[in-house]
Amino acid sequence: QFFERANEAIDAGLFWRGNLAKAVRQKDFKGTLSGI
């Protein structure tokens, strides 16, 4: 349940780059790295 809720939060676009799960699948870490 915890991981399911976390994935929903990530997919909901709570990070700078929008959809983090999609960015990880495309190996696009620029937005995540700049945010960090």
PDB file of all heavy atoms in Angstrom:
ATOM      1  N   GLN A   1       0.837  -1.207   0.000  1.00  0.00           N
ATOM      2  CA  GLN A   1       0.000   0.000   0.000  1.00  0.00           C
ATOM      3  C   GLN A   1       0.874   1.260   0.000  1.00  0.00           C
ATOM      4  O   GLN A   1       0.563   2.235  -0.672  1.00  0.00           O
ATOM      5  CB  GLN A   1      -0.919   0.009   1.227  1.00  0.00           C
ATOM      6  CG  GLN A   1      -2.062  -0.978   1.143  1.00  0.00           C
ATOM      7  CD  GLN A   1      -2.911  -0.963   2.402  1.00  0.00           C
ATOM      8  OE1 GLN A   1      -2.534  -0.367   3.405  1.00  0.00           O
ATOM      9  NE2 GLN A   1      -4.062  -1.645   2.334  1.00  0.00           N
ATOM     10  N   PHE A   2       1.978   1.208   0.761  1.00  0.00           N
ATOM     11  CA  PHE A   2       2.875   2.368   0.813  1.00  0.00           C
ATOM     12  C   PHE A   2       3.459   2.657  -0.573  1.00  0.00           C
ATOM     13  O   PHE A   2       3.462   3.807  -1.034  1.00  0.00           O
ATOM     14  CB  PHE A   2       3.998   2.103   1.827  1.00  0.00           C
ATOM     15  CG  PHE A   2       5.053   3.171   1.830  1.00  0.00           C
ATOM     16  CD1 PHE A   2       4.822   4.401   2.429  1.00  0.00           C
ATOM     17  CD2 PHE A   2       6.284   2.948   1.219  1.00  0.00           C
ATOM     18  CE1 PHE A   2       5.784   5.380   2.427  1.00  0.00           C
ATOM     19  CE2 PHE A   2       7.246   3.926   1.205  1.00  0.00           C
ATOM     20  CZ  PHE A   2       7.006   5.158   1.817  1.00  0.00           C
ATOM     21  N   PHE A   3       3.979   1.645  -1.242  1.00  0.00           N
ATOM     22  CA  PHE A   3       4.568   1.857  -2.560  1.00  0.00           C
ATOM     23  C   PHE A   3       3.524   2.263  -3.587  1.00  0.00           C
ATOM     24  O   PHE A   3       3.804   3.043  -4.504  1.00  0.00           O
ATOM     25  CB  PHE A   3       5.335   0.605  -3.024  1.00  0.00           C
ATOM     26  CG  PHE A   3       6.680   0.473  -2.353  1.00  0.00           C
ATOM     27  CD1 PHE A   3       6.969  -0.602  -1.535  1.00  0.00           C
ATOM     28  CD2 PHE A   3       7.659   1.446  -2.544  1.00  0.00           C
ATOM     29  CE1 PHE A   3       8.198  -0.714  -0.924  1.00  0.00           C
ATOM     30  CE2 PHE A   3       8.888   1.333  -1.942  1.00  0.00           C
ATOM     31  CZ  PHE A   3       9.160   0.253  -1.114  1.00  0.00           C
ATOM     32  N   GLU A   4       2.313   1.718  -3.463  1.00  0.00           N
ATOM     33  CA  GLU A   4       1.249   2.100  -4.385  1.00  0.00           C
ATOM     34  C   GLU A   4       0.918   3.588  -4.224  1.00  0.00           C
ATOM     35  O   GLU A   4       0.793   4.316  -5.203  1.00  0.00           O
ATOM     36  CB  GLU A   4       0.004   1.245  -4.121  1.00  0.00           C
ATOM     37  CG  GLU A   4      -1.136   1.512  -5.080  1.00  0.00           C
ATOM     38  CD  GLU A   4      -2.330   0.627  -4.780  1.00  0.00           C
ATOM     39  OE1 GLU A   4      -2.136  -0.514  -4.329  1.00  0.00           O
ATOM     40  OE2 GLU A   4      -3.454   1.110  -5.003  1.00  0.00           O
ATOM     41  N   ARG A   5       0.803   4.026  -2.980  1.00  0.00           N
ATOM     42  CA  ARG A   5       0.522   5.453  -2.731  1.00  0.00           C
ATOM     43  C   ARG A   5       1.693   6.330  -3.196  1.00  0.00           C
ATOM     44  O   ARG A   5       1.480   7.419  -3.731  1.00  0.00           O
ATOM     45  CB  ARG A   5       0.289   5.709  -1.241  1.00  0.00           C
ATOM     46  CG  ARG A   5      -0.859   4.967  -0.665  1.00  0.00           C
ATOM     47  CD  ARG A   5      -2.104   5.737  -0.836  1.00  0.00           C
ATOM     48  NE  ARG A   5      -3.213   4.920  -0.362  1.00  0.00           N
ATOM     49  CZ  ARG A   5      -4.316   5.384   0.070  1.00  0.00           C
ATOM     50  NH1 ARG A   5      -4.499   6.664   0.090  1.00  0.00           N
ATOM     51  NH2 ARG A   5      -5.264   4.581   0.467  1.00  0.00           N
ATOM     52  N   ALA A   6       2.906   5.874  -2.994  1.00  0.00           N
ATOM     53  CA  ALA A   6       4.076   6.650  -3.428  1.00  0.00           C
ATOM     54  C   ALA A   6       4.091   6.772  -4.947  1.00  0.00           C
ATOM     55  O   ALA A   6       4.379   7.858  -5.487  1.00  0.00           O
ATOM     56  CB  ALA A   6       5.360   5.996  -2.934  1.00  0.00           C
ATOM     57  N   ASN A   7       3.798   5.698  -5.641  1.00  0.00           N
ATOM     58  CA  ASN A   7       3.752   5.757  -7.106  1.00  0.00           C
ATOM     59  C   ASN A   7       2.646   6.693  -7.584  1.00  0.00           C
ATOM     60  O   ASN A   7       2.814   7.413  -8.569  1.00  0.00           O
ATOM     61  CB  ASN A   7       3.560   4.356  -7.703  1.00  0.00           C
ATOM     62  CG  ASN A   7       4.844   3.548  -7.670  1.00  0.00           C
ATOM     63  OD1 ASN A   7       5.925   4.118  -7.672  1.00  0.00           O
ATOM     64  ND2 ASN A   7       4.719   2.230  -7.635  1.00  0.00           N
ATOM     65  N   GLU A   8       1.510   6.684  -6.894  1.00  0.00           N
ATOM     66  CA  GLU A   8       0.435   7.606  -7.263  1.00  0.00           C
ATOM     67  C   GLU A   8       0.869   9.059  -7.073  1.00  0.00           C
ATOM     68  O   GLU A   8       0.575   9.924  -7.898  1.00  0.00           O
ATOM     69  CB  GLU A   8      -0.817   7.325  -6.417  1.00  0.00           C
ATOM     70  CG  GLU A   8      -1.545   6.056  -6.778  1.00  0.00           C
ATOM     71  CD  GLU A   8      -2.689   5.758  -5.825  1.00  0.00           C
ATOM     72  OE1 GLU A   8      -2.972   6.615  -4.954  1.00  0.00           O
ATOM     73  OE2 GLU A   8      -3.273   4.676  -5.946  1.00  0.00           O
ATOM     74  N   ALA A   9       1.585   9.321  -5.970  1.00  0.00           N
ATOM     75  CA  ALA A   9       2.047  10.685  -5.713  1.00  0.00           C
ATOM     76  C   ALA A   9       3.071  11.109  -6.752  1.00  0.00           C
ATOM     77  O   ALA A   9       3.054  12.248  -7.240  1.00  0.00           O
ATOM     78  CB  ALA A   9       2.654  10.782  -4.313  1.00  0.00           C
ATOM     79  N   ILE A  10       3.955  10.197  -7.099  1.00  0.00           N
ATOM     80  CA  ILE A  10       4.966  10.523  -8.112  1.00  0.00           C
ATOM     81  C   ILE A  10       4.301  10.755  -9.455  1.00  0.00           C
ATOM     82  O   ILE A  10       4.618  11.711 -10.172  1.00  0.00           O
ATOM     83  CB  ILE A  10       6.026   9.399  -8.197  1.00  0.00           C
ATOM     84  CG1 ILE A  10       6.888   9.416  -6.932  1.00  0.00           C
ATOM     85  CG2 ILE A  10       6.896   9.563  -9.432  1.00  0.00           C
ATOM     86  CD1 ILE A  10       7.846   8.256  -6.822  1.00  0.00           C
ATOM     87  N   ASP A  11       3.362   9.882  -9.805  1.00  0.00           N
ATOM     88  CA  ASP A  11       2.662  10.020 -11.083  1.00  0.00           C
ATOM     89  C   ASP A  11       1.783  11.263 -11.114  1.00  0.00           C
ATOM     90  O   ASP A  11       1.457  11.779 -12.167  1.00  0.00           O
ATOM     91  CB  ASP A  11       1.804   8.777 -11.379  1.00  0.00           C
ATOM     92  CG  ASP A  11       2.673   7.581 -11.747  1.00  0.00           C
ATOM     93  OD1 ASP A  11       3.834   7.822 -12.163  1.00  0.00           O
ATOM     94  OD2 ASP A  11       2.202   6.437 -11.621  1.00  0.00           O
ATOM     95  N   ALA A  12       1.370  11.744  -9.946  1.00  0.00           N
ATOM     96  CA  ALA A  12       0.494  12.913  -9.900  1.00  0.00           C
ATOM     97  C   ALA A  12       1.257  14.196 -10.228  1.00  0.00           C
ATOM     98  O   ALA A  12       0.655  15.258 -10.344  1.00  0.00           O
ATOM     99  CB  ALA A  12      -0.150  13.027  -8.524  1.00  0.00           C
ATOM    100  N   GLY A  13       2.553  14.121 -10.348  1.00  0.00           N
ATOM    101  CA  GLY A  13       3.330  15.295 -10.758  1.00  0.00           C
ATOM    102  C   GLY A  13       3.708  16.201  -9.608  1.00  0.00           C
ATOM    103  O   GLY A  13       3.659  17.426  -9.731  1.00  0.00           O
ATOM    104  N   LEU A  14       4.086  15.619  -8.483  1.00  0.00           N
ATOM    105  CA  LEU A  14       4.479  16.428  -7.340  1.00  0.00           C
ATOM    106  C   LEU A  14       5.942  16.893  -7.438  1.00  0.00           C
ATOM    107  O   LEU A  14       6.398  17.619  -6.583  1.00  0.00           O
ATOM    108  CB  LEU A  14       4.276  15.639  -6.039  1.00  0.00           C
ATOM    109  CG  LEU A  14       2.829  15.293  -5.707  1.00  0.00           C
ATOM    110  CD1 LEU A  14       2.768  14.456  -4.443  1.00  0.00           C
ATOM    111  CD2 LEU A  14       2.022  16.564  -5.535  1.00  0.00           C
ATOM    112  N   PHE A  15       6.657  16.482  -8.455  1.00  0.00           N
ATOM    113  CA  PHE A  15       8.055  16.885  -8.614  1.00  0.00           C
ATOM    114  C   PHE A  15       8.167  17.926  -9.710  1.00  0.00           C
ATOM    115  O   PHE A  15       7.232  18.193 -10.446  1.00  0.00           O
ATOM    116  CB  PHE A  15       8.921  15.652  -8.929  1.00  0.00           C
ATOM    117  CG  PHE A  15       9.039  14.731  -7.747  1.00  0.00           C
ATOM    118  CD1 PHE A  15       8.121  13.722  -7.556  1.00  0.00           C
ATOM    119  CD2 PHE A  15      10.048  14.885  -6.824  1.00  0.00           C
ATOM    120  CE1 PHE A  15       8.213  12.878  -6.468  1.00  0.00           C
ATOM    121  CE2 PHE A  15      10.139  14.046  -5.746  1.00  0.00           C
ATOM    122  CZ  PHE A  15       9.228  13.037  -5.549  1.00  0.00           C
ATOM    123  N   TRP A  16       9.346  18.557  -9.800  1.00  0.00           N
ATOM    124  CA  TRP A  16       9.562  19.676 -10.728  1.00  0.00           C
ATOM    125  C   TRP A  16       9.360  19.278 -12.180  1.00  0.00           C
ATOM    126  O   TRP A  16       8.876  20.054 -12.980  1.00  0.00           O
ATOM    127  CB  TRP A  16      10.996  20.205 -10.577  1.00  0.00           C
ATOM    128  CG  TRP A  16      11.218  20.859  -9.258  1.00  0.00           C
ATOM    129  CD1 TRP A  16      10.871  22.103  -8.915  1.00  0.00           C
ATOM    130  CD2 TRP A  16      11.805  20.275  -8.118  1.00  0.00           C
ATOM    131  NE1 TRP A  16      11.206  22.346  -7.621  1.00  0.00           N
ATOM    132  CE2 TRP A  16      11.795  21.223  -7.104  1.00  0.00           C
ATOM    133  CE3 TRP A  16      12.347  19.019  -7.841  1.00  0.00           C
ATOM    134  CZ2 TRP A  16      12.302  20.996  -5.854  1.00  0.00           C
ATOM    135  CZ3 TRP A  16      12.859  18.794  -6.593  1.00  0.00           C
ATOM    136  CH2 TRP A  16      12.825  19.776  -5.618  1.00  0.00           C
ATOM    137  N   ARG A  17       9.721  18.114 -12.511  1.00  0.00           N
ATOM    138  CA  ARG A  17       9.764  17.728 -13.918  1.00  0.00           C
ATOM    139  C   ARG A  17       8.446  17.095 -14.381  1.00  0.00           C
ATOM    140  O   ARG A  17       8.344  16.607 -15.491  1.00  0.00           O
ATOM    141  CB  ARG A  17      10.929  16.771 -14.089  1.00  0.00           C
ATOM    142  CG  ARG A  17      11.305  16.405 -15.461  1.00  0.00           C
ATOM    143  CD  ARG A  17      11.841  17.558 -16.228  1.00  0.00           C
ATOM    144  NE  ARG A  17      11.919  17.112 -17.589  1.00  0.00           N
ATOM    145  CZ  ARG A  17      12.820  17.440 -18.436  1.00  0.00           C
ATOM    146  NH1 ARG A  17      13.713  18.311 -18.096  1.00  0.00           N
ATOM    147  NH2 ARG A  17      12.827  16.973 -19.646  1.00  0.00           N
ATOM    148  N   GLY A  18       7.462  17.107 -13.533  1.00  0.00           N
ATOM    149  CA  GLY A  18       6.193  16.521 -13.954  1.00  0.00           C
ATOM    150  C   GLY A  18       6.088  15.088 -13.496  1.00  0.00           C
ATOM    151  O   GLY A  18       5.991  14.810 -12.319  1.00  0.00           O
ATOM    152  N   ASN A  19       6.146  14.171 -14.374  1.00  0.00           N
ATOM    153  CA  ASN A  19       5.967  12.755 -14.091  1.00  0.00           C
ATOM    154  C   ASN A  19       7.340  12.106 -13.915  1.00  0.00           C
ATOM    155  O   ASN A  19       8.039  11.825 -14.883  1.00  0.00           O
ATOM    156  CB  ASN A  19       5.192  12.104 -15.232  1.00  0.00           C
ATOM    157  CG  ASN A  19       4.724  10.728 -14.861  1.00  0.00           C
ATOM    158  OD1 ASN A  19       5.224  10.124 -13.925  1.00  0.00           O
ATOM    159  ND2 ASN A  19       3.761  10.235 -15.608  1.00  0.00           N
ATOM    160  N   LEU A  20       7.733  11.829 -12.660  1.00  0.00           N
ATOM    161  CA  LEU A  20       9.060  11.302 -12.368  1.00  0.00           C
ATOM    162  C   LEU A  20       9.217   9.866 -12.879  1.00  0.00           C
ATOM    163  O   LEU A  20      10.275   9.501 -13.386  1.00  0.00           O
ATOM    164  CB  LEU A  20       9.317  11.359 -10.859  1.00  0.00           C
ATOM    165  CG  LEU A  20      10.695  10.910 -10.404  1.00  0.00           C
ATOM    166  CD1 LEU A  20      11.760  11.832 -10.974  1.00  0.00           C
ATOM    167  CD2 LEU A  20      10.780  10.893  -8.899  1.00  0.00           C
ATOM    168  N   ALA A  21       8.161   9.076 -12.751  1.00  0.00           N
ATOM    169  CA  ALA A  21       8.254   7.678 -13.208  1.00  0.00           C
ATOM    170  C   ALA A  21       8.507   7.624 -14.710  1.00  0.00           C
ATOM    171  O   ALA A  21       9.305   6.823 -15.196  1.00  0.00           O
ATOM    172  CB  ALA A  21       6.970   6.933 -12.856  1.00  0.00           C
ATOM    173  N   LYS A  22       7.874   8.508 -15.441  1.00  0.00           N
ATOM    174  CA  LYS A  22       8.090   8.558 -16.891  1.00  0.00           C
ATOM    175  C   LYS A  22       9.511   9.021 -17.212  1.00  0.00           C
ATOM    176  O   LYS A  22      10.154   8.502 -18.132  1.00  0.00           O
ATOM    177  CB  LYS A  22       7.065   9.514 -17.499  1.00  0.00           C
ATOM    178  CG  LYS A  22       7.023   9.523 -18.993  1.00  0.00           C
ATOM    179  CD  LYS A  22       5.895  10.431 -19.433  1.00  0.00           C
ATOM    180  CE  LYS A  22       5.817  10.512 -20.923  1.00  0.00           C
ATOM    181  NZ  LYS A  22       4.787  11.449 -21.357  1.00  0.00           N
ATOM    182  N   ALA A  23      10.011   9.977 -16.422  1.00  0.00           N
ATOM    183  CA  ALA A  23      11.369  10.473 -16.639  1.00  0.00           C
ATOM    184  C   ALA A  23      12.387   9.379 -16.356  1.00  0.00           C
ATOM    185  O   ALA A  23      13.393   9.260 -17.055  1.00  0.00           O
ATOM    186  CB  ALA A  23      11.636  11.688 -15.753  1.00  0.00           C
ATOM    187  N   VAL A  24      12.138   8.570 -15.331  1.00  0.00           N
ATOM    188  CA  VAL A  24      13.069   7.488 -15.012  1.00  0.00           C
ATOM    189  C   VAL A  24      13.052   6.443 -16.124  1.00  0.00           C
ATOM    190  O   VAL A  24      14.103   5.936 -16.526  1.00  0.00           O
ATOM    191  CB  VAL A  24      12.703   6.856 -13.639  1.00  0.00           C
ATOM    192  CG1 VAL A  24      13.464   5.565 -13.401  1.00  0.00           C
ATOM    193  CG2 VAL A  24      12.958   7.849 -12.519  1.00  0.00           C
ATOM    194  N   ARG A  25      11.878   6.150 -16.674  1.00  0.00           N
ATOM    195  CA  ARG A  25      11.799   5.180 -17.768  1.00  0.00           C
ATOM    196  C   ARG A  25      12.529   5.675 -19.000  1.00  0.00           C
ATOM    197  O   ARG A  25      13.126   4.889 -19.724  1.00  0.00           O
ATOM    198  CB  ARG A  25      10.331   4.893 -18.110  1.00  0.00           C
ATOM    199  CG  ARG A  25       9.739   3.826 -17.218  1.00  0.00           C
ATOM    200  CD  ARG A  25       8.351   3.421 -17.679  1.00  0.00           C
ATOM    201  NE  ARG A  25       7.441   3.616 -16.555  1.00  0.00           N
ATOM    202  CZ  ARG A  25       6.475   4.492 -16.503  1.00  0.00           C
ATOM    203  NH1 ARG A  25       6.198   5.247 -17.532  1.00  0.00           N
ATOM    204  NH2 ARG A  25       5.719   4.602 -15.434  1.00  0.00           N
ATOM    205  N   GLN A  26      12.496   6.985 -19.237  1.00  0.00           N
ATOM    206  CA  GLN A  26      13.168   7.538 -20.415  1.00  0.00           C
ATOM    207  C   GLN A  26      14.620   7.903 -20.127  1.00  0.00           C
ATOM    208  O   GLN A  26      15.310   8.416 -20.990  1.00  0.00           O
ATOM    209  CB  GLN A  26      12.431   8.785 -20.904  1.00  0.00           C
ATOM    210  CG  GLN A  26      11.044   8.509 -21.415  1.00  0.00           C
ATOM    211  CD  GLN A  26      10.327   9.789 -21.801  1.00  0.00           C
ATOM    212  OE1 GLN A  26      10.847  10.884 -21.614  1.00  0.00           O
ATOM    213  NE2 GLN A  26       9.130   9.642 -22.350  1.00  0.00           N
ATOM    214  N   LYS A  27      15.051   7.663 -18.893  1.00  0.00           N
ATOM    215  CA  LYS A  27      16.412   7.990 -18.451  1.00  0.00           C
ATOM    216  C   LYS A  27      16.712   9.475 -18.653  1.00  0.00           C
ATOM    217  O   LYS A  27      17.783   9.858 -19.092  1.00  0.00           O
ATOM    218  CB  LYS A  27      17.436   7.109 -19.154  1.00  0.00           C
ATOM    219  CG  LYS A  27      17.226   5.664 -18.829  1.00  0.00           C
ATOM    220  CD  LYS A  27      18.304   4.803 -19.374  1.00  0.00           C
ATOM    221  CE  LYS A  27      17.936   3.374 -18.992  1.00  0.00           C
ATOM    222  NZ  LYS A  27      18.919   2.434 -19.200  1.00  0.00           N
ATOM    223  N   ASP A  28      15.729  10.302 -18.317  1.00  0.00           N
ATOM    224  CA  ASP A  28      15.881  11.755 -18.403  1.00  0.00           C
ATOM    225  C   ASP A  28      15.985  12.281 -16.970  1.00  0.00           C
ATOM    226  O   ASP A  28      14.983  12.546 -16.322  1.00  0.00           O
ATOM    227  CB  ASP A  28      14.668  12.361 -19.124  1.00  0.00           C
ATOM    228  CG  ASP A  28      14.827  13.851 -19.331  1.00  0.00           C
ATOM    229  OD1 ASP A  28      15.967  14.343 -19.193  1.00  0.00           O
ATOM    230  OD2 ASP A  28      13.823  14.529 -19.595  1.00  0.00           O
ATOM    231  N   PHE A  29      17.212  12.417 -16.488  1.00  0.00           N
ATOM    232  CA  PHE A  29      17.452  12.793 -15.095  1.00  0.00           C
ATOM    233  C   PHE A  29      17.808  14.267 -14.928  1.00  0.00           C
ATOM    234  O   PHE A  29      18.103  14.694 -13.828  1.00  0.00           O
ATOM    235  CB  PHE A  29      18.578  11.948 -14.499  1.00  0.00           C
ATOM    236  CG  PHE A  29      18.262  10.487 -14.462  1.00  0.00           C
ATOM    237  CD1 PHE A  29      18.895   9.601 -15.308  1.00  0.00           C
ATOM    238  CD2 PHE A  29      17.315  10.000 -13.575  1.00  0.00           C
ATOM    239  CE1 PHE A  29      18.607   8.261 -15.263  1.00  0.00           C
ATOM    240  CE2 PHE A  29      17.021   8.657 -13.535  1.00  0.00           C
ATOM    241  CZ  PHE A  29      17.664   7.763 -14.379  1.00  0.00           C
ATOM    242  N   LYS A  30      17.783  15.036 -15.978  1.00  0.00           N
ATOM    243  CA  LYS A  30      18.191  16.446 -15.875  1.00  0.00           C
ATOM    244  C   LYS A  30      17.310  17.219 -14.909  1.00  0.00           C
ATOM    245  O   LYS A  30      17.801  17.946 -14.051  1.00  0.00           O
ATOM    246  CB  LYS A  30      18.148  17.112 -17.249  1.00  0.00           C
ATOM    247  CG  LYS A  30      19.204  16.645 -18.192  1.00  0.00           C
ATOM    248  CD  LYS A  30      19.058  17.365 -19.503  1.00  0.00           C
ATOM    249  CE  LYS A  30      19.925  16.711 -20.557  1.00  0.00           C
ATOM    250  NZ  LYS A  30      19.703  17.291 -21.864  1.00  0.00           N
ATOM    251  N   GLY A  31      16.022  17.068 -15.054  1.00  0.00           N
ATOM    252  CA  GLY A  31      15.100  17.807 -14.189  1.00  0.00           C
ATOM    253  C   GLY A  31      15.197  17.358 -12.740  1.00  0.00           C
ATOM    254  O   GLY A  31      15.201  18.179 -11.814  1.00  0.00           O
ATOM    255  N   THR A  32      15.303  16.069 -12.543  1.00  0.00           N
ATOM    256  CA  THR A  32      15.411  15.539 -11.186  1.00  0.00           C
ATOM    257  C   THR A  32      16.711  15.986 -10.542  1.00  0.00           C
ATOM    258  O   THR A  32      16.722  16.436  -9.391  1.00  0.00           O
ATOM    259  CB  THR A  32      15.350  14.005 -11.216  1.00  0.00           C
ATOM    260  OG1 THR A  32      14.176  13.602 -11.908  1.00  0.00           O
ATOM    261  CG2 THR A  32      15.360  13.430  -9.815  1.00  0.00           C
ATOM    262  N   LEU A  33      17.796  15.894 -11.277  1.00  0.00           N
ATOM    263  CA  LEU A  33      19.099  16.296 -10.754  1.00  0.00           C
ATOM    264  C   LEU A  33      19.130  17.790 -10.452  1.00  0.00           C
ATOM    265  O   LEU A  33      19.622  18.201  -9.394  1.00  0.00           O
ATOM    266  CB  LEU A  33      20.203  15.920 -11.749  1.00  0.00           C
ATOM    267  CG  LEU A  33      21.631  16.141 -11.274  1.00  0.00           C
ATOM    268  CD1 LEU A  33      21.905  15.321 -10.025  1.00  0.00           C
ATOM    269  CD2 LEU A  33      22.608  15.801 -12.369  1.00  0.00           C
ATOM    270  N   SER A  34      18.581  18.599 -11.349  1.00  0.00           N
ATOM    271  CA  SER A  34      18.578  20.045 -11.103  1.00  0.00           C
ATOM    272  C   SER A  34      17.703  20.375  -9.892  1.00  0.00           C
ATOM    273  O   SER A  34      18.040  21.245  -9.087  1.00  0.00           O
ATOM    274  CB  SER A  34      18.115  20.805 -12.335  1.00  0.00           C
ATOM    275  OG  SER A  34      16.787  20.474 -12.650  1.00  0.00           O
ATOM    276  N   GLY A  35      16.580  19.674  -9.755  1.00  0.00           N
ATOM    277  CA  GLY A  35      15.724  19.889  -8.584  1.00  0.00           C
ATOM    278  C   GLY A  35      16.428  19.527  -7.291  1.00  0.00           C
ATOM    279  O   GLY A  35      16.353  20.258  -6.292  1.00  0.00           O
ATOM    280  N   ILE A  36      17.133  18.415  -7.300  1.00  0.00           N
ATOM    281  CA  ILE A  36      17.874  17.992  -6.108  1.00  0.00           C
ATOM    282  C   ILE A  36      18.993  18.986  -5.798  1.00  0.00           C
ATOM    283  O   ILE A  36      19.230  19.334  -4.639  1.00  0.00           O
ATOM    284  CB  ILE A  36      18.411  16.559  -6.290  1.00  0.00           C
ATOM    285  CG1 ILE A  36      17.249  15.572  -6.271  1.00  0.00           C
ATOM    286  CG2 ILE A  36      19.430  16.221  -5.216  1.00  0.00           C
ATOM    287  CD1 ILE A  36      17.629  14.156  -6.609  1.00  0.00           C
TER     288      ILE A  36
END
